[in-house]
Amino acid sequence: QITVTERDVSHRYEYYEIIKRKNAELRKLLQTTEQYKDALMSESIVMYQVNFSKDTIENGIYQRKNNKMYSALDTVGISTSSSYDEYCRRWQKRVSKDTIEDYLKLATSKKIIELFNNGNTIVSIDYRTMDTQDTEMWIDKSIYLSKDKLTDDILGIISLRNVTERYRQEYLKQRLEKNIRVKKLYIGSDRSPKAKAFAV
């Protein structure tokens, strides 16, 4: 005969309450993740998830371009999802020399975990790179960070946006402002002896 005491029932109730609470937290985490993904997908050309605590890419990395999907992992010779550090190390060969320093700021799991532990939940950089089809573009790389309450792992959703047009507009604006300054100096040199002497 098995005797069930009030203490046994109490402990079993506490156990089920813990499981119930953990399941609720998991559902909330998954719901939040899906909301992030839905919001980011509309403007991202690439989006993927990483477990930085395990340095693991949790899904494939695909670039959306001209209504087609191209594998970024295949581009750098990785056949299956693997280390985030390794992927970044291979991709950095496709990044321009003048922006490689910025690219490397978010190129290892260790650096990103340090940023999260310092209170950052969103980190971003811009860099210039060749895409999967060898087209040069400016990329805004944003990482949305959170901690899994069940495992304490640091997780991230990475969004890559094509911001080439923004940089093109900034370049054209700078060229225009430069041309205006040169024109004013030229006009002033014709009217002002002092300006003309300076121009010489």
Protein backbone atom coordinates (compact mmCIF):
# COMPACT_ATOMS: atom_id res chain seq x y z
CA GLN A 1 0.00 0.00 0.00
CA ILE A 2 1.30 3.45 -1.00
CA THR A 3 0.57 6.31 1.34
CA VAL A 4 0.32 9.81 -0.16
CA THR A 5 0.93 12.54 2.39
CA GLU A 6 -0.12 16.18 2.28
CA ARG A 7 3.55 17.08 1.79
CA ASP A 8 3.75 14.86 -1.32
CA VAL A 9 0.69 16.53 -2.82
CA SER A 10 2.08 19.97 -2.03
CA HIS A 11 5.42 19.20 -3.68
CA ARG A 12 3.70 17.74 -6.73
CA TYR A 13 1.51 20.86 -7.01
CA GLU A 14 4.60 23.12 -6.80
CA TYR A 15 6.31 21.00 -9.47
CA TYR A 16 3.39 21.33 -11.88
CA GLU A 17 3.19 25.06 -11.19
CA ILE A 18 6.87 25.43 -12.09
CA ILE A 19 6.37 23.48 -15.33
CA LYS A 20 3.29 25.53 -16.15
CA ARG A 21 5.17 28.80 -15.55
CA LYS A 22 8.16 27.67 -17.63
CA ASN A 23 5.89 26.66 -20.51
CA ALA A 24 4.21 30.05 -20.38
CA GLU A 25 7.62 31.76 -20.49
CA LEU A 26 8.62 29.62 -23.45
CA ARG A 27 5.43 30.49 -25.35
CA LYS A 28 6.01 34.19 -24.64
CA LEU A 29 9.61 33.94 -25.83
CA LEU A 30 8.59 32.18 -29.04
CA GLN A 31 5.80 34.70 -29.64
CA THR A 32 8.21 37.60 -29.17
CA THR A 33 10.71 35.95 -31.50
CA GLU A 34 8.06 35.52 -34.20
CA GLN A 35 7.00 39.15 -33.83
CA TYR A 36 10.59 40.26 -34.25
CA LYS A 37 10.97 38.05 -37.30
CA ASP A 38 7.76 39.28 -38.92
CA ALA A 39 8.73 42.91 -38.40
CA LEU A 40 12.26 42.46 -39.69
CA MET A 41 11.51 40.18 -42.62
CA SER A 42 9.66 42.91 -44.50
CA GLU A 43 12.79 45.04 -44.90
CA SER A 44 15.67 42.55 -44.56
CA ILE A 45 17.46 40.93 -47.45
CA VAL A 46 18.99 38.39 -45.04
CA MET A 47 17.78 37.23 -41.64
CA TYR A 48 18.94 34.37 -39.43
CA GLN A 49 19.15 33.25 -35.81
CA VAL A 50 22.24 32.54 -33.73
CA ASN A 51 22.83 31.00 -30.30
CA PHE A 52 25.87 33.03 -29.28
CA SER A 53 26.41 31.05 -26.07
CA LYS A 54 26.97 27.97 -28.24
CA ASP A 55 28.41 29.90 -31.21
CA THR A 56 25.87 28.16 -33.45
CA ILE A 57 23.88 29.39 -36.45
CA GLU A 58 20.45 27.86 -35.90
CA ASN A 59 19.12 28.01 -39.45
CA GLY A 60 20.22 28.59 -43.02
CA ILE A 61 21.33 32.03 -44.21
CA TYR A 62 19.62 33.12 -47.42
CA GLN A 63 19.69 36.38 -49.34
CA ARG A 64 16.46 37.55 -50.97
CA LYS A 65 17.20 39.09 -54.35
CA ASN A 66 14.99 39.50 -57.44
CA ASN A 67 12.37 37.17 -55.95
CA LYS A 68 14.96 34.41 -55.51
CA MET A 69 16.82 32.97 -52.52
CA TYR A 70 20.61 32.54 -52.52
CA SER A 71 22.57 30.70 -49.83
CA ALA A 72 25.18 32.82 -48.06
CA LEU A 73 26.66 29.68 -46.49
CA ASP A 74 27.28 28.19 -49.93
CA THR A 75 28.94 31.45 -50.99
CA VAL A 76 31.68 31.00 -48.38
CA GLY A 77 31.96 27.23 -48.74
CA ILE A 78 29.94 26.09 -45.72
CA SER A 79 27.53 23.27 -46.54
CA THR A 80 25.54 23.20 -43.30
CA SER A 81 24.75 25.58 -40.46
CA SER A 82 27.79 25.91 -38.22
CA SER A 83 29.86 28.29 -36.13
CA TYR A 84 28.95 31.98 -36.30
CA ASP A 85 32.62 32.87 -35.78
CA GLU A 86 33.67 30.67 -38.69
CA TYR A 87 31.00 32.10 -40.98
CA CYS A 88 32.07 35.69 -40.19
CA ARG A 89 35.74 34.79 -40.59
CA ARG A 90 35.07 33.51 -44.11
CA TRP A 91 32.73 36.32 -45.10
CA GLN A 92 35.15 39.06 -44.04
CA LYS A 93 37.17 38.33 -47.18
CA ARG A 94 34.26 39.84 -49.11
CA VAL A 95 34.17 43.04 -47.01
CA SER A 96 35.86 46.24 -48.24
CA LYS A 97 39.15 47.21 -46.60
CA ASP A 98 37.83 50.62 -45.59
CA THR A 99 34.92 49.10 -43.59
CA ILE A 100 36.48 45.86 -42.31
CA GLU A 101 37.22 47.41 -38.90
CA ASP A 102 33.51 48.07 -38.33
CA TYR A 103 32.56 44.62 -39.64
CA LEU A 104 34.87 42.91 -37.13
CA LYS A 105 33.14 44.62 -34.18
CA LEU A 106 30.29 42.09 -34.45
CA ALA A 107 32.19 39.17 -35.95
CA THR A 108 32.54 36.85 -32.93
CA SER A 109 30.11 35.37 -30.42
CA LYS A 110 32.37 36.45 -27.56
CA LYS A 111 32.20 40.13 -28.54
CA ILE A 112 28.42 40.03 -28.89
CA ILE A 113 27.94 38.34 -25.50
CA GLU A 114 30.12 41.06 -23.95
CA LEU A 115 27.93 43.73 -25.56
CA PHE A 116 24.78 42.04 -24.20
CA ASN A 117 26.27 41.73 -20.71
CA ASN A 118 27.01 45.47 -20.86
CA GLY A 119 23.32 46.20 -21.34
CA ASN A 120 22.99 46.25 -25.14
CA THR A 121 19.96 44.47 -26.62
CA ILE A 122 20.30 45.93 -30.13
CA VAL A 123 23.68 46.44 -31.81
CA SER A 124 24.27 47.69 -35.36
CA ILE A 125 27.07 48.39 -37.83
CA ASP A 126 27.34 49.42 -41.49
CA TYR A 127 29.85 47.96 -43.90
CA ARG A 128 30.45 47.55 -47.65
CA THR A 129 30.58 44.05 -49.09
CA MET A 130 30.04 41.84 -52.11
CA ASP A 131 26.74 39.97 -51.82
CA THR A 132 26.07 36.33 -52.74
CA GLN A 133 25.90 37.30 -56.43
CA ASP A 134 29.08 39.43 -56.29
CA THR A 135 27.24 42.74 -56.36
CA GLU A 136 28.77 45.45 -54.20
CA MET A 137 26.42 46.96 -51.62
CA TRP A 138 26.28 48.75 -48.30
CA ILE A 139 24.80 46.65 -45.49
CA ASP A 140 23.23 47.64 -42.20
CA LYS A 141 23.73 44.68 -39.86
CA SER A 142 21.52 44.77 -36.77
CA ILE A 143 21.47 42.10 -34.05
CA TYR A 144 18.48 41.86 -31.68
CA LEU A 145 19.63 40.13 -28.50
CA SER A 146 17.81 38.33 -25.68
CA LYS A 147 18.47 35.70 -23.02
CA ASP A 148 16.64 32.38 -23.07
CA LYS A 149 15.09 32.17 -19.59
CA LEU A 150 15.10 28.38 -19.72
CA THR A 151 18.76 27.86 -20.63
CA ASP A 152 20.33 31.31 -19.99
CA ASP A 153 21.77 31.16 -23.52
CA ILE A 154 22.28 34.48 -25.32
CA LEU A 155 20.23 34.41 -28.54
CA GLY A 156 20.16 36.81 -31.45
CA ILE A 157 18.14 37.54 -34.56
CA ILE A 158 20.41 39.06 -37.20
CA SER A 159 18.94 41.34 -39.84
CA LEU A 160 20.88 42.56 -42.88
CA ARG A 161 19.41 45.49 -44.81
CA ASN A 162 20.61 46.90 -48.10
CA VAL A 163 21.32 50.59 -47.42
CA THR A 164 23.26 51.28 -50.63
CA GLU A 165 20.76 53.89 -51.79
CA ARG A 166 21.17 55.83 -48.55
CA TYR A 167 24.93 55.99 -49.03
CA ARG A 168 24.51 56.92 -52.68
CA GLN A 169 22.27 59.83 -51.74
CA GLU A 170 24.75 60.97 -49.08
CA TYR A 171 27.57 60.80 -51.63
CA LEU A 172 25.58 62.84 -54.18
CA LYS A 173 24.74 65.41 -51.49
CA GLN A 174 28.41 65.76 -50.55
CA ARG A 175 29.40 66.15 -54.22
CA LEU A 176 26.73 68.81 -54.68
CA GLU A 177 27.83 70.74 -51.59
CA LYS A 178 31.45 70.54 -52.74
CA ASN A 179 30.55 71.84 -56.20
CA ILE A 180 28.62 74.73 -54.65
CA ARG A 181 31.61 75.68 -52.47
CA VAL A 182 33.97 75.59 -55.47
CA LYS A 183 31.54 77.68 -57.53
CA LYS A 184 31.25 80.31 -54.79
CA LEU A 185 35.04 80.46 -54.47
CA TYR A 186 35.36 80.85 -58.24
CA ILE A 187 32.76 83.63 -58.39
CA GLY A 188 34.34 85.37 -55.43
CA SER A 189 37.78 85.24 -57.03
CA ASP A 190 36.46 87.17 -60.03
CA ARG A 191 34.93 89.94 -57.89
CA SER A 192 37.33 90.22 -54.98
CA PRO A 193 41.07 90.98 -55.40
CA LYS A 194 41.69 89.35 -52.03
CA ALA A 195 39.84 86.21 -53.03
CA LYS A 196 41.66 86.18 -56.36
CA ALA A 197 45.03 86.41 -54.64
CA PHE A 198 44.00 83.54 -52.34
CA ALA A 199 42.97 81.45 -55.34
CA VAL A 200 46.40 81.96 -56.95
